[in-house]
């Protein structure tokens, strides 16, 4: 019986602590700001664009388009070292008679 009285006292204290509590209320100009925002017909163009792009279907479609374009670019890439580039290098070397010079292999015979 002693535990039951103790529990009732705790419940009574908890209920008494709620006597001065009142409902929460918004700030003084909250409803004015919300009403002005709802009545604003002149929304900025960037808000409309960002709202359109932020849709998941548009974002996923754009991402797939970027990945598709990258895949096409990678698959259509020309092979490095095309014969035309090698031929022009050979013509240049033949024209100027460029030989491999080894400036770094000079031996110093003096001690």
C-alpha atoms as a PDB file:
ATOM      1  CA  UNK A   1       0.000   0.000   0.000  1.00  0.00           C
ATOM      2  CA  UNK A   2       2.943   2.235   0.656  1.00  0.00           C
ATOM      3  CA  UNK A   3       4.127   1.918  -2.986  1.00  0.00           C
ATOM      4  CA  UNK A   4       0.632   2.740  -4.253  1.00  0.00           C
ATOM      5  CA  UNK A   5       0.539   5.970  -2.209  1.00  0.00           C
ATOM      6  CA  UNK A   6       3.997   6.897  -3.462  1.00  0.00           C
ATOM      7  CA  UNK A   7       2.910   6.387  -7.078  1.00  0.00           C
ATOM      8  CA  UNK A   8      -0.214   8.511  -6.508  1.00  0.00           C
ATOM      9  CA  UNK A   9       1.911  11.292  -5.023  1.00  0.00           C
ATOM     10  CA  UNK A  10       4.218  11.222  -8.056  1.00  0.00           C
ATOM     11  CA  UNK A  11       1.231  11.345 -10.451  1.00  0.00           C
ATOM     12  CA  UNK A  12      -0.255  14.242  -8.467  1.00  0.00           C
ATOM     13  CA  UNK A  13       3.037  16.170  -8.635  1.00  0.00           C
ATOM     14  CA  UNK A  14       3.250  15.595 -12.383  1.00  0.00           C
ATOM     15  CA  UNK A  15      -0.309  16.831 -12.946  1.00  0.00           C
ATOM     16  CA  UNK A  16       0.227  19.861 -10.714  1.00  0.00           C
ATOM     17  CA  UNK A  17       3.335  20.828 -12.671  1.00  0.00           C
ATOM     18  CA  UNK A  18       1.150  21.342 -15.766  1.00  0.00           C
ATOM     19  CA  UNK A  19      -1.049  24.067 -14.196  1.00  0.00           C
ATOM     20  CA  UNK A  20       0.824  27.089 -15.633  1.00  0.00           C
ATOM     21  CA  UNK A  21       1.335  25.654 -19.117  1.00  0.00           C
ATOM     22  CA  UNK A  22      -0.404  27.310 -22.072  1.00  0.00           C
ATOM     23  CA  UNK A  23      -0.509  26.549 -25.782  1.00  0.00           C
ATOM     24  CA  UNK A  24       2.445  27.537 -27.929  1.00  0.00           C
ATOM     25  CA  UNK A  25       1.883  30.478 -30.264  1.00  0.00           C
ATOM     26  CA  UNK A  26       3.831  31.725 -33.291  1.00  0.00           C
ATOM     27  CA  UNK A  27       5.779  34.979 -33.441  1.00  0.00           C
ATOM     28  CA  UNK A  28       3.969  38.295 -33.816  1.00  0.00           C
ATOM     29  CA  UNK A  29       4.332  38.654 -37.624  1.00  0.00           C
ATOM     30  CA  UNK A  30       4.239  35.001 -38.591  1.00  0.00           C
ATOM     31  CA  UNK A  31       0.779  34.997 -40.158  1.00  0.00           C
ATOM     32  CA  UNK A  32       1.478  38.269 -41.978  1.00  0.00           C
ATOM     33  CA  UNK A  33       4.606  36.819 -43.592  1.00  0.00           C
ATOM     34  CA  UNK A  34       2.849  33.559 -44.523  1.00  0.00           C
ATOM     35  CA  UNK A  35      -0.083  35.450 -46.053  1.00  0.00           C
ATOM     36  CA  UNK A  36       2.233  37.717 -48.053  1.00  0.00           C
ATOM     37  CA  UNK A  37       4.168  34.746 -49.345  1.00  0.00           C
ATOM     38  CA  UNK A  38       0.993  32.907 -50.372  1.00  0.00           C
ATOM     39  CA  UNK A  39      -0.406  35.986 -52.124  1.00  0.00           C
ATOM     40  CA  UNK A  40       2.844  36.724 -53.966  1.00  0.00           C
ATOM     41  CA  UNK A  41       1.987  36.260 -57.640  1.00  0.00           C
ATOM     42  CA  UNK A  42       5.300  37.632 -58.955  1.00  0.00           C
ATOM     43  CA  UNK A  43       7.564  34.712 -58.188  1.00  0.00           C
ATOM     44  CA  UNK A  44      11.105  34.909 -59.465  1.00  0.00           C
ATOM     45  CA  UNK A  45      11.918  33.019 -62.666  1.00  0.00           C
ATOM     46  CA  UNK A  46      14.822  31.259 -60.958  1.00  0.00           C
ATOM     47  CA  UNK A  47      12.450  29.830 -58.363  1.00  0.00           C
ATOM     48  CA  UNK A  48      10.324  28.339 -61.140  1.00  0.00           C
ATOM     49  CA  UNK A  49      13.367  26.901 -62.940  1.00  0.00           C
ATOM     50  CA  UNK A  50      14.867  25.425 -59.785  1.00  0.00           C
ATOM     51  CA  UNK A  51      11.481  23.984 -58.824  1.00  0.00           C
ATOM     52  CA  UNK A  52      11.178  22.327 -62.233  1.00  0.00           C
ATOM     53  CA  UNK A  53      14.724  20.909 -62.176  1.00  0.00           C
ATOM     54  CA  UNK A  54      14.338  19.682 -58.593  1.00  0.00           C
ATOM     55  CA  UNK A  55      11.602  17.259 -59.602  1.00  0.00           C
ATOM     56  CA  UNK A  56      12.946  13.718 -59.284  1.00  0.00           C
ATOM     57  CA  UNK A  57      11.815  12.667 -62.760  1.00  0.00           C
ATOM     58  CA  UNK A  58      13.592  15.617 -64.399  1.00  0.00           C
ATOM     59  CA  UNK A  59      16.728  15.161 -62.299  1.00  0.00           C
ATOM     60  CA  UNK A  60      16.978  11.439 -63.090  1.00  0.00           C
ATOM     61  CA  UNK A  61      16.353  12.066 -66.802  1.00  0.00           C
ATOM     62  CA  UNK A  62      19.072  14.737 -66.856  1.00  0.00           C
ATOM     63  CA  UNK A  63      21.507  12.449 -65.092  1.00  0.00           C
ATOM     64  CA  UNK A  64      20.803   9.629 -67.568  1.00  0.00           C
ATOM     65  CA  UNK A  65      21.319  12.069 -70.457  1.00  0.00           C
ATOM     66  CA  UNK A  66      24.703  13.152 -69.117  1.00  0.00           C
ATOM     67  CA  UNK A  67      25.804   9.527 -68.637  1.00  0.00           C
ATOM     68  CA  UNK A  68      24.604   8.634 -72.156  1.00  0.00           C
ATOM     69  CA  UNK A  69      26.509  11.545 -73.711  1.00  0.00           C
ATOM     70  CA  UNK A  70      29.664  10.565 -71.824  1.00  0.00           C
ATOM     71  CA  UNK A  71      29.346   6.955 -72.995  1.00  0.00           C
ATOM     72  CA  UNK A  72      28.916   8.082 -76.601  1.00  0.00           C
ATOM     73  CA  UNK A  73      31.952  10.344 -76.327  1.00  0.00           C
ATOM     74  CA  UNK A  74      34.094   7.541 -74.907  1.00  0.00           C
ATOM     75  CA  UNK A  75      33.002   4.979 -77.487  1.00  0.00           C
ATOM     76  CA  UNK A  76      33.498   7.334 -80.452  1.00  0.00           C
ATOM     77  CA  UNK A  77      36.924   8.527 -79.334  1.00  0.00           C
ATOM     78  CA  UNK A  78      39.571   8.210 -82.033  1.00  0.00           C
ATOM     79  CA  UNK A  79      42.417   5.846 -81.374  1.00  0.00           C
ATOM     80  CA  UNK A  80      45.622   7.631 -80.309  1.00  0.00           C
ATOM     81  CA  UNK A  81      48.556   7.598 -82.711  1.00  0.00           C
ATOM     82  CA  UNK A  82      46.671   7.845 -85.956  1.00  0.00           C
ATOM     83  CA  UNK A  83      48.759   7.143 -89.135  1.00  0.00           C
ATOM     84  CA  UNK A  84      48.421  10.761 -90.268  1.00  0.00           C
ATOM     85  CA  UNK A  85      50.137  12.034 -87.120  1.00  0.00           C
ATOM     86  CA  UNK A  86      52.933   9.474 -87.429  1.00  0.00           C
ATOM     87  CA  UNK A  87      53.411  10.344 -91.094  1.00  0.00           C
ATOM     88  CA  UNK A  88      53.697  14.070 -90.395  1.00  0.00           C
ATOM     89  CA  UNK A  89      56.298  13.424 -87.692  1.00  0.00           C
ATOM     90  CA  UNK A  90      58.314  11.290 -90.116  1.00  0.00           C
ATOM     91  CA  UNK A  91      58.183  13.971 -92.834  1.00  0.00           C
ATOM     92  CA  UNK A  92      59.354  16.574 -90.324  1.00  0.00           C
ATOM     93  CA  UNK A  93      62.254  14.390 -89.173  1.00  0.00           C
ATOM     94  CA  UNK A  94      63.299  13.585 -92.753  1.00  0.00           C
ATOM     95  CA  UNK A  95      63.084  17.194 -93.852  1.00  0.00           C
ATOM     96  CA  UNK A  96      65.339  18.535 -91.156  1.00  0.00           C
ATOM     97  CA  UNK A  97      67.521  15.433 -90.952  1.00  0.00           C
ATOM     98  CA  UNK A  98      67.089  15.138 -87.269  1.00  0.00           C
ATOM     99  CA  UNK A  99      69.310  12.572 -85.689  1.00  0.00           C
ATOM    100  CA  UNK A 100      69.440  11.544 -82.103  1.00  0.00           C
ATOM    101  CA  UNK A 101      72.138  13.515 -80.380  1.00  0.00           C
ATOM    102  CA  UNK A 102      73.466  12.299 -77.096  1.00  0.00           C
ATOM    103  CA  UNK A 103      74.772  15.319 -75.289  1.00  0.00           C
ATOM    104  CA  UNK A 104      74.703  13.529 -71.985  1.00  0.00           C
ATOM    105  CA  UNK A 105      77.058  10.707 -73.018  1.00  0.00           C
ATOM    106  CA  UNK A 106      80.136  12.884 -73.318  1.00  0.00           C
ATOM    107  CA  UNK A 107      83.032  11.276 -71.485  1.00  0.00           C
ATOM    108  CA  UNK A 108      85.402  13.424 -69.555  1.00  0.00           C
ATOM    109  CA  UNK A 109      88.880  12.034 -70.318  1.00  0.00           C
ATOM    110  CA  UNK A 110      90.729  14.479 -68.113  1.00  0.00           C
ATOM    111  CA  UNK A 111      91.099  13.515 -64.471  1.00  0.00           C
END
